[in-house]
Amino acid sequence: MFLIPIKLAWKCTQALAQARCSWRETVDLSRAIVAIG
């Protein structure tokens, strides 16, 4: 019974971490494009 919420919370934290990483990558890419441009 307790494992399901833990698994859901883990999936949520993993998704948030991935989203944060991809967001940072997007920011870095846009900065690089601006610097090159």
PDB file of N, CA and C in Angstrom:
ATOM      1  N   MET A   1       0.829  -1.213   0.000  1.00  0.00           N
ATOM      2  CA  MET A   1       0.000   0.000   0.000  1.00  0.00           C
ATOM      3  C   MET A   1       0.861   1.261   0.000  1.00  0.00           C
ATOM      4  N   PHE A   2       1.949   1.241   0.776  1.00  0.00           N
ATOM      5  CA  PHE A   2       2.788   2.439   0.888  1.00  0.00           C
ATOM      6  C   PHE A   2       3.755   2.588  -0.277  1.00  0.00           C
ATOM      7  N   LEU A   3       3.984   1.489  -1.019  1.00  0.00           N
ATOM      8  CA  LEU A   3       4.970   1.533  -2.100  1.00  0.00           C
ATOM      9  C   LEU A   3       4.479   2.349  -3.286  1.00  0.00           C
ATOM     10  N   ILE A   4       3.170   2.330  -3.544  1.00  0.00           N
ATOM     11  CA  ILE A   4       2.646   3.031  -4.725  1.00  0.00           C
ATOM     12  C   ILE A   4       2.897   4.541  -4.652  1.00  0.00           C
ATOM     13  N   PRO A   5       2.555   5.218  -3.535  1.00  0.00           N
ATOM     14  CA  PRO A   5       2.845   6.663  -3.459  1.00  0.00           C
ATOM     15  C   PRO A   5       4.335   6.958  -3.563  1.00  0.00           C
ATOM     16  N   ILE A   6       5.172   6.083  -2.997  1.00  0.00           N
ATOM     17  CA  ILE A   6       6.617   6.298  -3.069  1.00  0.00           C
ATOM     18  C   ILE A   6       7.081   6.210  -4.517  1.00  0.00           C
ATOM     19  N   LYS A   7       6.570   5.217  -5.244  1.00  0.00           N
ATOM     20  CA  LYS A   7       6.936   5.076  -6.656  1.00  0.00           C
ATOM     21  C   LYS A   7       6.477   6.298  -7.457  1.00  0.00           C
ATOM     22  N   LEU A   8       5.255   6.765  -7.169  1.00  0.00           N
ATOM     23  CA  LEU A   8       4.746   7.947  -7.870  1.00  0.00           C
ATOM     24  C   LEU A   8       5.595   9.171  -7.553  1.00  0.00           C
ATOM     25  N   ALA A   9       5.936   9.345  -6.279  1.00  0.00           N
ATOM     26  CA  ALA A   9       6.758  10.485  -5.887  1.00  0.00           C
ATOM     27  C   ALA A   9       8.129  10.405  -6.550  1.00  0.00           C
ATOM     28  N   TRP A  10       8.686   9.181  -6.635  1.00  0.00           N
ATOM     29  CA  TRP A  10       9.991   8.998  -7.277  1.00  0.00           C
ATOM     30  C   TRP A  10       9.911   9.386  -8.744  1.00  0.00           C
ATOM     31  N   LYS A  11       8.842   8.931  -9.424  1.00  0.00           N
ATOM     32  CA  LYS A  11       8.665   9.266 -10.835  1.00  0.00           C
ATOM     33  C   LYS A  11       8.541  10.778 -11.003  1.00  0.00           C
ATOM     34  N   CYS A  12       7.812  11.417 -10.108  1.00  0.00           N
ATOM     35  CA  CYS A  12       7.633  12.870 -10.187  1.00  0.00           C
ATOM     36  C   CYS A  12       8.976  13.581 -10.012  1.00  0.00           C
ATOM     37  N   THR A  13       9.764  13.152  -9.023  1.00  0.00           N
ATOM     38  CA  THR A  13      11.043  13.814  -8.786  1.00  0.00           C
ATOM     39  C   THR A  13      11.980  13.588  -9.963  1.00  0.00           C
ATOM     40  N   GLN A  14      11.950  12.380 -10.538  1.00  0.00           N
ATOM     41  CA  GLN A  14      12.783  12.084 -11.703  1.00  0.00           C
ATOM     42  C   GLN A  14      12.367  12.979 -12.877  1.00  0.00           C
ATOM     43  N   ALA A  15      11.067  13.106 -13.089  1.00  0.00           N
ATOM     44  CA  ALA A  15      10.570  13.933 -14.182  1.00  0.00           C
ATOM     45  C   ALA A  15      10.957  15.394 -13.979  1.00  0.00           C
ATOM     46  N   LEU A  16      10.847  15.871 -12.731  1.00  0.00           N
ATOM     47  CA  LEU A  16      11.223  17.252 -12.433  1.00  0.00           C
ATOM     48  C   LEU A  16      12.716  17.464 -12.672  1.00  0.00           C
ATOM     49  N   ALA A  17      13.526  16.507 -12.248  1.00  0.00           N
ATOM     50  CA  ALA A  17      14.969  16.621 -12.433  1.00  0.00           C
ATOM     51  C   ALA A  17      15.302  16.672 -13.924  1.00  0.00           C
ATOM     52  N   GLN A  18      14.657  15.807 -14.709  1.00  0.00           N
ATOM     53  CA  GLN A  18      14.903  15.800 -16.146  1.00  0.00           C
ATOM     54  C   GLN A  18      14.452  17.104 -16.778  1.00  0.00           C
ATOM     55  N   ALA A  19      13.293  17.606 -16.355  1.00  0.00           N
ATOM     56  CA  ALA A  19      12.786  18.860 -16.902  1.00  0.00           C
ATOM     57  C   ALA A  19      13.734  20.004 -16.573  1.00  0.00           C
ATOM     58  N   ARG A  20      14.255  20.005 -15.339  1.00  0.00           N
ATOM     59  CA  ARG A  20      15.176  21.073 -14.928  1.00  0.00           C
ATOM     60  C   ARG A  20      16.452  21.003 -15.766  1.00  0.00           C
ATOM     61  N   CYS A  21      16.958  19.799 -15.988  1.00  0.00           N
ATOM     62  CA  CYS A  21      18.179  19.640 -16.777  1.00  0.00           C
ATOM     63  C   CYS A  21      17.945  20.105 -18.211  1.00  0.00           C
ATOM     64  N   SER A  22      16.828  19.675 -18.796  1.00  0.00           N
ATOM     65  CA  SER A  22      16.555  20.058 -20.176  1.00  0.00           C
ATOM     66  C   SER A  22      16.327  21.563 -20.279  1.00  0.00           C
ATOM     67  N   TRP A  23      15.702  22.156 -19.237  1.00  0.00           N
ATOM     68  CA  TRP A  23      15.487  23.604 -19.239  1.00  0.00           C
ATOM     69  C   TRP A  23      16.827  24.329 -19.196  1.00  0.00           C
ATOM     70  N   ARG A  24      17.738  23.829 -18.362  1.00  0.00           N
ATOM     71  CA  ARG A  24      19.069  24.454 -18.267  1.00  0.00           C
ATOM     72  C   ARG A  24      19.805  24.295 -19.590  1.00  0.00           C
ATOM     73  N   GLU A  25      19.684  23.146 -20.230  1.00  0.00           N
ATOM     74  CA  GLU A  25      20.323  22.928 -21.518  1.00  0.00           C
ATOM     75  C   GLU A  25      19.761  23.900 -22.551  1.00  0.00           C
ATOM     76  N   THR A  26      18.450  24.101 -22.511  1.00  0.00           N
ATOM     77  CA  THR A  26      17.822  25.031 -23.452  1.00  0.00           C
ATOM     78  C   THR A  26      18.333  26.449 -23.230  1.00  0.00           C
ATOM     79  N   VAL A  27      18.459  26.850 -21.968  1.00  0.00           N
ATOM     80  CA  VAL A  27      18.974  28.181 -21.648  1.00  0.00           C
ATOM     81  C   VAL A  27      20.414  28.314 -22.133  1.00  0.00           C
ATOM     82  N   ASP A  28      21.226  27.278 -21.878  1.00  0.00           N
ATOM     83  CA  ASP A  28      22.624  27.317 -22.332  1.00  0.00           C
ATOM     84  C   ASP A  28      22.686  27.410 -23.846  1.00  0.00           C
ATOM     85  N   LEU A  29      21.841  26.655 -24.539  1.00  0.00           N
ATOM     86  CA  LEU A  29      21.829  26.681 -26.002  1.00  0.00           C
ATOM     87  C   LEU A  29      21.441  28.066 -26.509  1.00  0.00           C
ATOM     88  N   SER A  30      20.406  28.648 -25.925  1.00  0.00           N
ATOM     89  CA  SER A  30      19.968  29.978 -26.373  1.00  0.00           C
ATOM     90  C   SER A  30      21.054  31.013 -26.120  1.00  0.00           C
ATOM     91  N   ARG A  31      21.750  30.891 -25.004  1.00  0.00           N
ATOM     92  CA  ARG A  31      22.850  31.826 -24.708  1.00  0.00           C
ATOM     93  C   ARG A  31      23.966  31.663 -25.730  1.00  0.00           C
ATOM     94  N   ALA A  32      24.281  30.418 -26.074  1.00  0.00           N
ATOM     95  CA  ALA A  32      25.334  30.162 -27.066  1.00  0.00           C
ATOM     96  C   ALA A  32      24.934  30.733 -28.421  1.00  0.00           C
ATOM     97  N   ILE A  33      23.662  30.552 -28.798  1.00  0.00           N
ATOM     98  CA  ILE A  33      23.188  31.083 -30.081  1.00  0.00           C
ATOM     99  C   ILE A  33      23.278  32.605 -30.081  1.00  0.00           C
ATOM    100  N   VAL A  34      22.889  33.225 -28.979  1.00  0.00           N
ATOM    101  CA  VAL A  34      22.963  34.689 -28.878  1.00  0.00           C
ATOM    102  C   VAL A  34      24.420  35.138 -28.960  1.00  0.00           C
ATOM    103  N   ALA A  35      25.313  34.404 -28.290  1.00  0.00           N
ATOM    104  CA  ALA A  35      26.727  34.780 -28.296  1.00  0.00           C
ATOM    105  C   ALA A  35      27.313  34.654 -29.699  1.00  0.00           C
ATOM    106  N   ILE A  36      26.920  33.587 -30.405  1.00  0.00           N
ATOM    107  CA  ILE A  36      27.438  33.390 -31.769  1.00  0.00           C
ATOM    108  C   ILE A  36      26.838  34.441 -32.704  1.00  0.00           C
ATOM    109  N   GLY A  37      25.531  34.676 -32.531  1.00  0.00           N
ATOM    110  CA  GLY A  37      24.836  35.626 -33.402  1.00  0.00           C
ATOM    111  C   GLY A  37      25.337  37.025 -33.146  1.00  0.00           C
TER     112      GLY A  37
END
